[in-house]
Amino acid sequence: MKRTIKFAIFAALLAMVGSASAQTMINGGLKVSALQTDNQDAKAYGGFYAGFTQNVALSRHVGVAPGIYFNRIAGDNETTVAGITTHNKLTENAIAVPVALNLQMHLTDVSCLYIYAGPEFNIGISSKAEGWVGNSDNHASYDLYEEGVPGELGRYNISWLGGIGAKFDFLNVNLGMSGNFFNRLYDSDIQQKAISLYLGIGLAF
């Protein structure tokens, strides 16, 4: 999987640099991610993303859009038993490389509505877990990408993504959803899924 992701990143960068019939879009926005481990209740985390996409026109109505984005999610899931509150905080940073096919409906020469879908290649940077009880200053913390830690994550994954958007001259807005194809946990029979919703706004050049 590592080789597939590295090749996809290289191909995406080549497409961004080498196309004369392309439009650059700088995008950023908010996202909400739900992590679910087997049949346990899903845990929600807020976050943001930022980066850029190069939409390469295949025809007037069809394009392919490779991009590269920084993603961050964070949240503190509290559980209270017998009046004692346990905190489990998670902060994740990752790089995402989407390669989405889009279908456009033109409103004017510079404005359109569009739908898009495709794969997204994910590379984890850090996933810091931190736990403590009550108001204690004694916090236990570790990176979930470290070998052998409880709940160790795989650093590489591939997700699906899809959504809708609108471009009005230089302004681009989009609403989308993504989810991982493969188990987030490293070499484990326990499955962890991640579903994300995101809303973004950006500039098109």
N, C-alpha and C. Protein backbone atom coordinates (compact mmCIF):
# COMPACT_ATOMS: atom_id res chain seq x y z
N MET A 1 0.83 -1.20 0.00
CA MET A 1 0.00 0.00 0.00
C MET A 1 0.87 1.27 0.00
N LYS A 2 2.02 1.22 0.70
CA LYS A 2 2.90 2.39 0.76
C LYS A 2 3.34 2.79 -0.65
N ARG A 3 3.72 1.77 -1.47
CA ARG A 3 4.19 2.07 -2.82
C ARG A 3 3.07 2.66 -3.66
N THR A 4 1.84 2.15 -3.50
CA THR A 4 0.69 2.67 -4.25
C THR A 4 0.44 4.13 -3.91
N ILE A 5 0.49 4.47 -2.63
CA ILE A 5 0.24 5.84 -2.20
C ILE A 5 1.34 6.77 -2.70
N LYS A 6 2.60 6.35 -2.60
CA LYS A 6 3.69 7.20 -3.07
C LYS A 6 3.60 7.44 -4.58
N PHE A 7 3.23 6.39 -5.33
CA PHE A 7 3.07 6.54 -6.77
C PHE A 7 1.92 7.49 -7.08
N ALA A 8 0.82 7.39 -6.34
CA ALA A 8 -0.33 8.27 -6.57
C ALA A 8 0.02 9.72 -6.31
N ILE A 9 0.80 9.97 -5.24
CA ILE A 9 1.23 11.34 -4.93
C ILE A 9 2.10 11.88 -6.06
N PHE A 10 3.04 11.06 -6.53
CA PHE A 10 3.94 11.49 -7.61
C PHE A 10 3.15 11.79 -8.88
N ALA A 11 2.19 10.92 -9.22
CA ALA A 11 1.37 11.13 -10.42
C ALA A 11 0.52 12.38 -10.29
N ALA A 12 -0.03 12.60 -9.09
CA ALA A 12 -0.85 13.80 -8.86
C ALA A 12 -0.02 15.07 -9.02
N LEU A 13 1.18 15.08 -8.49
CA LEU A 13 2.04 16.25 -8.60
C LEU A 13 2.45 16.52 -10.05
N LEU A 14 2.70 15.45 -10.81
CA LEU A 14 3.02 15.61 -12.22
C LEU A 14 1.85 16.24 -12.97
N ALA A 15 0.63 15.77 -12.64
CA ALA A 15 -0.56 16.31 -13.30
C ALA A 15 -0.74 17.77 -12.97
N MET A 16 -0.45 18.16 -11.73
CA MET A 16 -0.59 19.55 -11.33
C MET A 16 0.38 20.46 -12.08
N VAL A 17 1.61 19.97 -12.24
CA VAL A 17 2.65 20.80 -12.83
C VAL A 17 2.56 20.82 -14.35
N GLY A 18 2.18 19.67 -14.94
CA GLY A 18 2.35 19.51 -16.37
C GLY A 18 1.18 19.87 -17.25
N SER A 19 0.03 20.23 -16.70
CA SER A 19 -1.12 20.49 -17.55
C SER A 19 -1.27 21.96 -17.87
N ALA A 20 -1.38 22.26 -19.17
CA ALA A 20 -1.60 23.63 -19.58
C ALA A 20 -3.08 24.00 -19.46
N SER A 21 -3.97 22.97 -19.59
CA SER A 21 -5.41 23.22 -19.51
C SER A 21 -5.89 22.86 -18.12
N ALA A 22 -5.51 23.67 -17.14
CA ALA A 22 -5.82 23.36 -15.75
C ALA A 22 -6.16 24.62 -14.99
N GLN A 23 -6.92 24.44 -13.91
CA GLN A 23 -7.28 25.56 -13.06
C GLN A 23 -6.89 25.22 -11.62
N THR A 24 -6.21 26.14 -10.97
CA THR A 24 -5.77 25.94 -9.60
C THR A 24 -6.82 26.47 -8.64
N MET A 25 -7.11 25.68 -7.61
CA MET A 25 -8.06 26.09 -6.57
C MET A 25 -7.42 25.91 -5.20
N ILE A 26 -7.37 26.97 -4.44
CA ILE A 26 -6.89 26.92 -3.05
C ILE A 26 -8.11 26.84 -2.16
N ASN A 27 -8.21 25.75 -1.38
CA ASN A 27 -9.42 25.49 -0.59
C ASN A 27 -9.09 25.25 0.88
N GLY A 28 -10.05 25.51 1.72
CA GLY A 28 -9.94 25.21 3.14
C GLY A 28 -11.33 25.18 3.74
N GLY A 29 -11.45 24.55 4.90
CA GLY A 29 -12.77 24.51 5.51
C GLY A 29 -12.79 23.70 6.78
N LEU A 30 -14.00 23.44 7.23
CA LEU A 30 -14.24 22.71 8.47
C LEU A 30 -14.66 21.28 8.17
N LYS A 31 -14.31 20.38 9.09
CA LYS A 31 -14.72 19.00 8.91
C LYS A 31 -15.11 18.40 10.26
N VAL A 32 -15.98 17.39 10.21
CA VAL A 32 -16.37 16.62 11.38
C VAL A 32 -16.12 15.16 11.05
N SER A 33 -15.37 14.47 11.89
CA SER A 33 -15.04 13.07 11.64
C SER A 33 -15.60 12.20 12.76
N ALA A 34 -16.16 11.06 12.38
CA ALA A 34 -16.66 10.08 13.35
C ALA A 34 -15.80 8.83 13.25
N LEU A 35 -15.19 8.43 14.35
CA LEU A 35 -14.37 7.22 14.41
C LEU A 35 -15.16 6.14 15.13
N GLN A 36 -15.27 4.97 14.51
CA GLN A 36 -16.02 3.87 15.13
C GLN A 36 -15.16 2.61 15.13
N THR A 37 -15.00 2.04 16.32
CA THR A 37 -14.22 0.82 16.48
C THR A 37 -15.17 -0.34 16.72
N ASP A 38 -15.18 -1.29 15.77
CA ASP A 38 -16.13 -2.41 15.78
C ASP A 38 -17.55 -1.91 16.04
N ASN A 39 -18.25 -2.49 17.04
CA ASN A 39 -19.65 -2.11 17.28
C ASN A 39 -19.80 -1.09 18.40
N GLN A 40 -18.72 -0.47 18.79
CA GLN A 40 -18.80 0.57 19.82
C GLN A 40 -19.44 1.83 19.25
N ASP A 41 -19.88 2.70 20.14
CA ASP A 41 -20.46 3.97 19.69
C ASP A 41 -19.39 4.80 18.98
N ALA A 42 -19.82 5.48 17.92
CA ALA A 42 -18.90 6.35 17.19
C ALA A 42 -18.52 7.56 18.03
N LYS A 43 -17.29 8.02 17.89
CA LYS A 43 -16.80 9.20 18.61
C LYS A 43 -16.53 10.31 17.61
N ALA A 44 -17.06 11.49 17.88
CA ALA A 44 -16.98 12.61 16.94
C ALA A 44 -15.84 13.55 17.29
N TYR A 45 -15.18 14.07 16.25
CA TYR A 45 -14.07 15.01 16.40
C TYR A 45 -14.24 16.14 15.38
N GLY A 46 -13.94 17.34 15.81
CA GLY A 46 -13.98 18.48 14.91
C GLY A 46 -12.60 18.75 14.33
N GLY A 47 -12.56 19.50 13.24
CA GLY A 47 -11.26 19.79 12.66
C GLY A 47 -11.36 20.71 11.47
N PHE A 48 -10.27 20.76 10.70
CA PHE A 48 -10.22 21.61 9.53
C PHE A 48 -9.29 20.98 8.50
N TYR A 49 -9.34 21.52 7.29
CA TYR A 49 -8.42 21.09 6.24
C TYR A 49 -8.05 22.29 5.39
N ALA A 50 -6.91 22.23 4.71
CA ALA A 50 -6.46 23.31 3.84
C ALA A 50 -5.46 22.76 2.84
N GLY A 51 -5.52 23.27 1.61
CA GLY A 51 -4.60 22.83 0.59
C GLY A 51 -5.01 23.35 -0.77
N PHE A 52 -4.59 22.64 -1.82
CA PHE A 52 -4.94 23.10 -3.16
C PHE A 52 -5.20 21.93 -4.10
N THR A 53 -5.98 22.22 -5.12
CA THR A 53 -6.36 21.26 -6.15
C THR A 53 -6.05 21.85 -7.51
N GLN A 54 -5.64 21.00 -8.43
CA GLN A 54 -5.43 21.41 -9.81
C GLN A 54 -6.44 20.65 -10.67
N ASN A 55 -7.47 21.35 -11.15
CA ASN A 55 -8.48 20.70 -11.97
C ASN A 55 -8.04 20.67 -13.43
N VAL A 56 -7.77 19.47 -13.93
CA VAL A 56 -7.30 19.27 -15.30
C VAL A 56 -8.49 18.94 -16.18
N ALA A 57 -8.77 19.78 -17.17
CA ALA A 57 -9.93 19.58 -18.04
C ALA A 57 -9.68 18.44 -19.02
N LEU A 58 -10.60 17.47 -19.02
CA LEU A 58 -10.58 16.40 -20.02
C LEU A 58 -11.50 16.73 -21.18
N SER A 59 -12.54 17.50 -20.89
CA SER A 59 -13.45 18.03 -21.90
C SER A 59 -14.12 19.25 -21.27
N ARG A 60 -15.08 19.85 -21.96
CA ARG A 60 -15.74 21.03 -21.40
C ARG A 60 -16.47 20.71 -20.11
N HIS A 61 -16.99 19.48 -19.98
CA HIS A 61 -17.83 19.14 -18.84
C HIS A 61 -17.18 18.15 -17.86
N VAL A 62 -16.02 17.64 -18.19
CA VAL A 62 -15.39 16.60 -17.36
C VAL A 62 -13.96 17.00 -17.04
N GLY A 63 -13.56 16.79 -15.80
CA GLY A 63 -12.19 17.07 -15.39
C GLY A 63 -11.72 16.07 -14.34
N VAL A 64 -10.42 16.01 -14.14
CA VAL A 64 -9.85 15.22 -13.05
C VAL A 64 -9.04 16.17 -12.19
N ALA A 65 -9.21 16.06 -10.87
CA ALA A 65 -8.67 17.07 -9.96
C ALA A 65 -7.79 16.44 -8.89
N PRO A 66 -6.48 16.28 -9.14
CA PRO A 66 -5.56 15.88 -8.07
C PRO A 66 -5.29 17.06 -7.15
N GLY A 67 -4.99 16.75 -5.90
CA GLY A 67 -4.72 17.81 -4.93
C GLY A 67 -3.88 17.30 -3.79
N ILE A 68 -3.53 18.19 -2.90
CA ILE A 68 -2.81 17.81 -1.68
C ILE A 68 -3.28 18.71 -0.55
N TYR A 69 -3.64 18.09 0.60
CA TYR A 69 -4.27 18.81 1.70
C TYR A 69 -3.71 18.38 3.05
N PHE A 70 -3.64 19.35 3.94
CA PHE A 70 -3.34 19.08 5.35
C PHE A 70 -4.66 18.95 6.09
N ASN A 71 -4.80 17.88 6.89
CA ASN A 71 -6.01 17.63 7.67
C ASN A 71 -5.68 17.55 9.15
N ARG A 72 -6.58 18.09 9.97
CA ARG A 72 -6.41 18.00 11.42
C ARG A 72 -7.77 17.78 12.07
N ILE A 73 -7.84 16.80 12.99
CA ILE A 73 -9.03 16.61 13.81
C ILE A 73 -8.60 16.51 15.27
N ALA A 74 -9.47 16.93 16.18
CA ALA A 74 -9.14 16.89 17.61
C ALA A 74 -10.43 16.84 18.41
N GLY A 75 -10.34 16.25 19.59
CA GLY A 75 -11.50 16.21 20.48
C GLY A 75 -11.19 15.45 21.75
N ASP A 76 -11.97 15.72 22.77
CA ASP A 76 -11.82 15.07 24.08
C ASP A 76 -13.11 14.32 24.38
N ASN A 77 -13.03 13.00 24.39
CA ASN A 77 -14.19 12.18 24.72
C ASN A 77 -14.18 11.84 26.21
N GLU A 78 -15.17 12.36 26.92
CA GLU A 78 -15.25 12.16 28.35
C GLU A 78 -16.24 11.05 28.69
N THR A 79 -15.87 10.23 29.67
CA THR A 79 -16.78 9.22 30.20
C THR A 79 -16.81 9.36 31.72
N THR A 80 -18.01 9.30 32.29
CA THR A 80 -18.17 9.46 33.74
C THR A 80 -18.79 8.21 34.33
N VAL A 81 -18.10 7.60 35.27
CA VAL A 81 -18.57 6.40 35.96
C VAL A 81 -18.44 6.65 37.46
N ALA A 82 -19.55 6.50 38.18
CA ALA A 82 -19.57 6.70 39.64
C ALA A 82 -19.01 8.06 40.03
N GLY A 83 -19.33 9.08 39.21
CA GLY A 83 -18.89 10.43 39.52
C GLY A 83 -17.47 10.75 39.15
N ILE A 84 -16.76 9.80 38.56
CA ILE A 84 -15.36 10.02 38.17
C ILE A 84 -15.29 10.16 36.65
N THR A 85 -14.76 11.27 36.19
CA THR A 85 -14.68 11.56 34.76
C THR A 85 -13.30 11.21 34.21
N THR A 86 -13.30 10.41 33.17
CA THR A 86 -12.07 10.04 32.48
C THR A 86 -12.02 10.74 31.13
N HIS A 87 -10.90 11.38 30.85
CA HIS A 87 -10.72 12.10 29.60
C HIS A 87 -9.87 11.28 28.63
N ASN A 88 -10.29 11.24 27.38
CA ASN A 88 -9.52 10.59 26.32
C ASN A 88 -9.45 11.55 25.14
N LYS A 89 -8.35 12.28 25.06
CA LYS A 89 -8.19 13.30 24.04
C LYS A 89 -7.39 12.74 22.86
N LEU A 90 -7.82 13.11 21.66
CA LEU A 90 -7.13 12.66 20.46
C LEU A 90 -6.89 13.86 19.54
N THR A 91 -5.67 13.97 19.02
CA THR A 91 -5.33 15.01 18.04
C THR A 91 -4.59 14.35 16.90
N GLU A 92 -5.16 14.41 15.69
CA GLU A 92 -4.55 13.76 14.53
C GLU A 92 -4.21 14.78 13.45
N ASN A 93 -3.03 14.62 12.87
CA ASN A 93 -2.61 15.41 11.72
C ASN A 93 -2.25 14.46 10.58
N ALA A 94 -2.70 14.79 9.37
CA ALA A 94 -2.46 13.90 8.24
C ALA A 94 -2.40 14.69 6.94
N ILE A 95 -1.84 14.05 5.93
CA ILE A 95 -1.83 14.58 4.58
C ILE A 95 -2.77 13.73 3.73
N ALA A 96 -3.61 14.39 2.94
CA ALA A 96 -4.53 13.70 2.05
C ALA A 96 -4.24 14.12 0.61
N VAL A 97 -4.23 13.13 -0.28
CA VAL A 97 -4.01 13.40 -1.71
C VAL A 97 -5.22 12.86 -2.47
N PRO A 98 -6.24 13.70 -2.70
CA PRO A 98 -7.40 13.26 -3.47
C PRO A 98 -7.12 13.30 -4.97
N VAL A 99 -7.75 12.39 -5.69
CA VAL A 99 -7.70 12.40 -7.16
C VAL A 99 -9.14 12.16 -7.63
N ALA A 100 -9.89 13.24 -7.76
CA ALA A 100 -11.33 13.13 -7.99
C ALA A 100 -11.70 13.46 -9.44
N LEU A 101 -12.61 12.67 -9.98
CA LEU A 101 -13.20 12.96 -11.28
C LEU A 101 -14.41 13.85 -11.05
N ASN A 102 -14.57 14.91 -11.86
CA ASN A 102 -15.71 15.81 -11.66
C ASN A 102 -16.50 16.00 -12.95
N LEU A 103 -17.81 16.19 -12.78
CA LEU A 103 -18.73 16.43 -13.88
C LEU A 103 -19.36 17.80 -13.66
N GLN A 104 -19.24 18.68 -14.64
CA GLN A 104 -19.63 20.08 -14.47
C GLN A 104 -20.86 20.43 -15.31
N MET A 105 -21.71 21.27 -14.74
CA MET A 105 -22.83 21.86 -15.46
C MET A 105 -22.59 23.37 -15.49
N HIS A 106 -22.27 23.90 -16.65
CA HIS A 106 -21.88 25.31 -16.76
C HIS A 106 -23.09 26.23 -16.69
N LEU A 107 -22.96 27.29 -15.89
CA LEU A 107 -23.97 28.33 -15.81
C LEU A 107 -23.60 29.51 -16.69
N THR A 108 -22.31 29.85 -16.69
CA THR A 108 -21.74 30.86 -17.58
C THR A 108 -20.36 30.35 -17.98
N ASP A 109 -19.61 31.17 -18.68
CA ASP A 109 -18.26 30.76 -19.08
C ASP A 109 -17.32 30.60 -17.88
N VAL A 110 -17.62 31.26 -16.77
CA VAL A 110 -16.73 31.22 -15.61
C VAL A 110 -17.40 30.64 -14.36
N SER A 111 -18.63 30.17 -14.47
CA SER A 111 -19.35 29.63 -13.31
C SER A 111 -19.96 28.28 -13.65
N CYS A 112 -19.99 27.39 -12.67
CA CYS A 112 -20.56 26.07 -12.90
C CYS A 112 -20.94 25.41 -11.58
N LEU A 113 -21.83 24.44 -11.67
CA LEU A 113 -22.12 23.51 -10.59
C LEU A 113 -21.43 22.20 -10.94
N TYR A 114 -21.00 21.43 -9.93
CA TYR A 114 -20.31 20.18 -10.24
C TYR A 114 -20.50 19.14 -9.16
N ILE A 115 -20.35 17.90 -9.56
CA ILE A 115 -20.29 16.78 -8.62
C ILE A 115 -18.94 16.10 -8.82
N TYR A 116 -18.42 15.45 -7.77
CA TYR A 116 -17.11 14.82 -7.89
C TYR A 116 -17.03 13.57 -7.03
N ALA A 117 -16.15 12.66 -7.42
CA ALA A 117 -15.93 11.42 -6.67
C ALA A 117 -14.60 10.82 -7.09
N GLY A 118 -14.00 10.05 -6.18
CA GLY A 118 -12.75 9.40 -6.51
C GLY A 118 -12.04 8.91 -5.26
N PRO A 119 -10.81 8.41 -5.41
CA PRO A 119 -10.03 7.94 -4.26
C PRO A 119 -9.27 9.08 -3.60
N GLU A 120 -8.91 8.87 -2.35
CA GLU A 120 -8.07 9.81 -1.59
C GLU A 120 -7.01 9.00 -0.87
N PHE A 121 -5.76 9.35 -1.08
CA PHE A 121 -4.65 8.63 -0.46
C PHE A 121 -4.24 9.37 0.82
N ASN A 122 -4.19 8.64 1.94
CA ASN A 122 -3.99 9.24 3.25
C ASN A 122 -2.64 8.84 3.85
N ILE A 123 -1.93 9.83 4.38
CA ILE A 123 -0.64 9.59 5.04
C ILE A 123 -0.69 10.25 6.41
N GLY A 124 -0.61 9.46 7.46
CA GLY A 124 -0.65 9.99 8.81
C GLY A 124 0.65 10.66 9.20
N ILE A 125 0.55 11.82 9.83
CA ILE A 125 1.73 12.52 10.35
C ILE A 125 1.89 12.23 11.84
N SER A 126 0.83 12.48 12.60
CA SER A 126 0.85 12.20 14.04
C SER A 126 -0.57 11.95 14.51
N SER A 127 -0.68 11.14 15.56
CA SER A 127 -1.98 10.87 16.17
C SER A 127 -1.75 10.75 17.67
N LYS A 128 -1.83 11.88 18.36
CA LYS A 128 -1.50 11.93 19.77
C LYS A 128 -2.73 11.61 20.63
N ALA A 129 -2.62 10.56 21.43
CA ALA A 129 -3.66 10.21 22.39
C ALA A 129 -3.21 10.67 23.77
N GLU A 130 -4.13 11.25 24.52
CA GLU A 130 -3.81 11.74 25.85
C GLU A 130 -4.95 11.40 26.80
N GLY A 131 -4.64 10.83 27.95
CA GLY A 131 -5.67 10.44 28.90
C GLY A 131 -5.35 10.90 30.31
N TRP A 132 -6.41 11.28 31.05
CA TRP A 132 -6.27 11.63 32.45
C TRP A 132 -7.60 11.51 33.15
N VAL A 133 -7.56 11.48 34.46
CA VAL A 133 -8.77 11.30 35.28
C VAL A 133 -9.06 12.58 36.04
N GLY A 134 -10.33 13.05 35.95
CA GLY A 134 -10.74 14.24 36.68
C GLY A 134 -9.91 15.45 36.32
N ASN A 135 -9.46 16.16 37.36
CA ASN A 135 -8.63 17.36 37.15
C ASN A 135 -7.15 17.09 37.38
N SER A 136 -6.79 15.83 37.28
CA SER A 136 -5.41 15.44 37.53
C SER A 136 -4.46 16.05 36.52
N ASP A 137 -3.27 16.43 37.01
CA ASP A 137 -2.21 16.92 36.13
C ASP A 137 -1.36 15.78 35.57
N ASN A 138 -1.67 14.57 36.00
CA ASN A 138 -0.92 13.40 35.57
C ASN A 138 -1.54 12.85 34.28
N HIS A 139 -1.03 13.33 33.15
CA HIS A 139 -1.56 12.93 31.85
C HIS A 139 -0.66 11.87 31.21
N ALA A 140 -1.27 10.80 30.72
CA ALA A 140 -0.53 9.80 29.96
C ALA A 140 -0.74 10.09 28.47
N SER A 141 0.34 10.20 27.70
CA SER A 141 0.22 10.53 26.28
C SER A 141 1.19 9.70 25.45
N TYR A 142 0.80 9.41 24.22
CA TYR A 142 1.65 8.69 23.29
C TYR A 142 1.10 8.88 21.89
N ASP A 143 1.94 8.59 20.90
CA ASP A 143 1.55 8.71 19.50
C ASP A 143 1.08 7.34 19.02
N LEU A 144 -0.11 7.31 18.43
CA LEU A 144 -0.69 6.04 18.01
C LEU A 144 0.00 5.44 16.78
N TYR A 145 0.93 6.17 16.17
CA TYR A 145 1.71 5.61 15.08
C TYR A 145 2.98 4.93 15.58
N GLU A 146 3.25 5.01 16.89
CA GLU A 146 4.42 4.33 17.44
C GLU A 146 4.18 2.83 17.48
N GLU A 147 5.22 2.09 17.18
CA GLU A 147 5.09 0.63 17.12
C GLU A 147 4.76 0.04 18.49
N GLY A 148 3.71 -0.79 18.53
CA GLY A 148 3.38 -1.55 19.72
C GLY A 148 2.50 -0.85 20.74
N VAL A 149 2.13 0.42 20.51
CA VAL A 149 1.29 1.11 21.50
C VAL A 149 -0.15 0.59 21.39
N PRO A 150 -0.95 0.69 22.46
CA PRO A 150 -2.35 0.27 22.39
C PRO A 150 -3.10 1.08 21.33
N GLY A 151 -3.83 0.38 20.46
CA GLY A 151 -4.57 1.06 19.42
C GLY A 151 -3.70 1.60 18.30
N GLU A 152 -2.56 0.94 18.06
CA GLU A 152 -1.63 1.41 17.02
C GLU A 152 -2.34 1.56 15.67
N LEU A 153 -2.10 2.68 15.01
CA LEU A 153 -2.71 2.97 13.72
C LEU A 153 -1.75 2.68 12.58
N GLY A 154 -2.30 2.29 11.43
CA GLY A 154 -1.52 2.21 10.21
C GLY A 154 -1.34 3.61 9.65
N ARG A 155 -0.15 3.94 9.23
CA ARG A 155 0.13 5.30 8.79
C ARG A 155 -0.45 5.58 7.40
N TYR A 156 -0.68 4.54 6.60
CA TYR A 156 -1.15 4.73 5.22
C TYR A 156 -2.54 4.11 5.05
N ASN A 157 -3.37 4.79 4.27
CA ASN A 157 -4.70 4.27 3.99
C ASN A 157 -5.19 4.87 2.68
N ILE A 158 -6.27 4.32 2.18
CA ILE A 158 -6.94 4.86 1.00
C ILE A 158 -8.41 5.04 1.34
N SER A 159 -8.95 6.20 1.00
CA SER A 159 -10.36 6.51 1.27
C SER A 159 -11.11 6.76 -0.03
N TRP A 160 -12.42 6.71 0.06
CA TRP A 160 -13.27 7.19 -1.02
C TRP A 160 -13.74 8.59 -0.64
N LEU A 161 -14.05 9.40 -1.62
CA LEU A 161 -14.63 10.71 -1.34
C LEU A 161 -15.60 11.09 -2.45
N GLY A 162 -16.51 11.97 -2.11
CA GLY A 162 -17.49 12.44 -3.09
C GLY A 162 -18.20 13.65 -2.55
N GLY A 163 -18.78 14.44 -3.46
CA GLY A 163 -19.49 15.61 -2.99
C GLY A 163 -20.02 16.45 -4.12
N ILE A 164 -20.49 17.63 -3.77
CA ILE A 164 -21.02 18.59 -4.72
C ILE A 164 -20.34 19.93 -4.50
N GLY A 165 -20.34 20.77 -5.52
CA GLY A 165 -19.71 22.07 -5.38
C GLY A 165 -20.26 23.07 -6.38
N ALA A 166 -19.83 24.30 -6.21
CA ALA A 166 -20.21 25.37 -7.13
C ALA A 166 -19.05 26.34 -7.24
N LYS A 167 -18.79 26.77 -8.46
CA LYS A 167 -17.75 27.77 -8.71
C LYS A 167 -18.40 29.00 -9.35
N PHE A 168 -18.28 30.12 -8.68
CA PHE A 168 -18.82 31.37 -9.19
C PHE A 168 -17.64 32.31 -9.46
N ASP A 169 -17.23 32.35 -10.73
CA ASP A 169 -16.07 33.13 -11.12
C ASP A 169 -14.84 32.66 -10.34
N PHE A 170 -14.31 33.45 -9.41
CA PHE A 170 -13.11 33.05 -8.66
C PHE A 170 -13.43 32.36 -7.33
N LEU A 171 -14.71 32.28 -6.95
CA LEU A 171 -15.10 31.70 -5.66
C LEU A 171 -15.54 30.25 -5.84
N ASN A 172 -15.00 29.36 -5.00
CA ASN A 172 -15.34 27.94 -5.05
C ASN A 172 -15.85 27.48 -3.69
N VAL A 173 -17.00 26.79 -3.67
CA VAL A 173 -17.54 26.22 -2.44
C VAL A 173 -17.85 24.75 -2.69
N ASN A 174 -17.69 23.93 -1.66
CA ASN A 174 -18.00 22.51 -1.84
C ASN A 174 -18.42 21.86 -0.52
N LEU A 175 -19.20 20.81 -0.65
CA LEU A 175 -19.67 20.01 0.47
C LEU A 175 -19.41 18.56 0.12
N GLY A 176 -18.72 17.84 1.01
CA GLY A 176 -18.35 16.48 0.66
C GLY A 176 -18.28 15.53 1.84
N MET A 177 -17.94 14.29 1.51
CA MET A 177 -17.89 13.20 2.49
C MET A 177 -16.78 12.24 2.08
N SER A 178 -16.12 11.65 3.07
CA SER A 178 -15.08 10.66 2.78
C SER A 178 -15.10 9.56 3.83
N GLY A 179 -14.52 8.42 3.49
CA GLY A 179 -14.44 7.29 4.42
C GLY A 179 -13.36 6.33 4.01
N ASN A 180 -12.71 5.69 4.97
CA ASN A 180 -11.56 4.83 4.68
C ASN A 180 -11.99 3.48 4.11
N PHE A 181 -11.22 2.97 3.14
CA PHE A 181 -11.43 1.64 2.58
C PHE A 181 -10.90 0.55 3.50
N PHE A 182 -9.75 0.82 4.13
CA PHE A 182 -9.05 -0.21 4.90
C PHE A 182 -9.10 0.11 6.39
N ASN A 183 -8.90 -0.90 7.21
CA ASN A 183 -8.89 -0.74 8.66
C ASN A 183 -7.85 0.29 9.07
N ARG A 184 -8.25 1.24 9.92
CA ARG A 184 -7.29 2.23 10.42
C ARG A 184 -6.28 1.62 11.37
N LEU A 185 -6.65 0.58 12.07
CA LEU A 185 -5.76 -0.04 13.05
C LEU A 185 -4.72 -0.90 12.35
N TYR A 186 -3.53 -0.94 12.91
CA TYR A 186 -2.42 -1.68 12.31
C TYR A 186 -2.47 -3.16 12.71
N ASP A 187 -2.55 -4.04 11.70
CA ASP A 187 -2.43 -5.48 11.93
C ASP A 187 -3.31 -5.95 13.09
N SER A 188 -4.62 -5.71 12.97
CA SER A 188 -5.53 -6.04 14.07
C SER A 188 -6.81 -6.64 13.52
N ASP A 189 -7.41 -7.57 14.30
CA ASP A 189 -8.70 -8.13 13.92
C ASP A 189 -9.83 -7.16 14.25
N ILE A 190 -9.53 -6.16 15.05
CA ILE A 190 -10.52 -5.13 15.39
C ILE A 190 -10.53 -4.08 14.29
N GLN A 191 -11.71 -3.72 13.82
CA GLN A 191 -11.83 -2.77 12.73
C GLN A 191 -12.16 -1.36 13.25
N GLN A 192 -11.51 -0.37 12.68
CA GLN A 192 -11.86 1.02 12.98
C GLN A 192 -12.11 1.77 11.68
N LYS A 193 -13.29 2.40 11.62
CA LYS A 193 -13.69 3.16 10.44
C LYS A 193 -13.68 4.65 10.76
N ALA A 194 -13.50 5.45 9.72
CA ALA A 194 -13.55 6.91 9.87
C ALA A 194 -14.41 7.48 8.75
N ILE A 195 -15.46 8.18 9.12
CA ILE A 195 -16.32 8.87 8.17
C ILE A 195 -16.22 10.36 8.44
N SER A 196 -15.99 11.16 7.41
CA SER A 196 -15.82 12.60 7.58
C SER A 196 -16.79 13.38 6.69
N LEU A 197 -17.35 14.44 7.24
CA LEU A 197 -18.13 15.41 6.48
C LEU A 197 -17.35 16.71 6.48
N TYR A 198 -17.32 17.39 5.35
CA TYR A 198 -16.57 18.64 5.31
C TYR A 198 -17.28 19.69 4.45
N LEU A 199 -17.08 20.93 4.82
CA LEU A 199 -17.63 22.08 4.11
C LEU A 199 -16.49 23.06 3.89
N GLY A 200 -16.25 23.42 2.62
CA GLY A 200 -15.10 24.26 2.33
C GLY A 200 -15.42 25.41 1.41
N ILE A 201 -14.51 26.35 1.40
CA ILE A 201 -14.59 27.51 0.52
C ILE A 201 -13.19 27.84 0.05
N GLY A 202 -13.08 28.38 -1.17
CA GLY A 202 -11.75 28.64 -1.69
C GLY A 202 -11.77 29.60 -2.85
N LEU A 203 -10.59 29.76 -3.43
CA LEU A 203 -10.39 30.67 -4.56
C LEU A 203 -9.93 29.87 -5.76
N ALA A 204 -10.46 30.22 -6.94
CA ALA A 204 -10.08 29.57 -8.19
C ALA A 204 -9.32 30.57 -9.06
N PHE A 205 -8.21 30.09 -9.64
CA PHE A 205 -7.37 30.96 -10.46
C PHE A 205 -7.31 30.45 -11.89
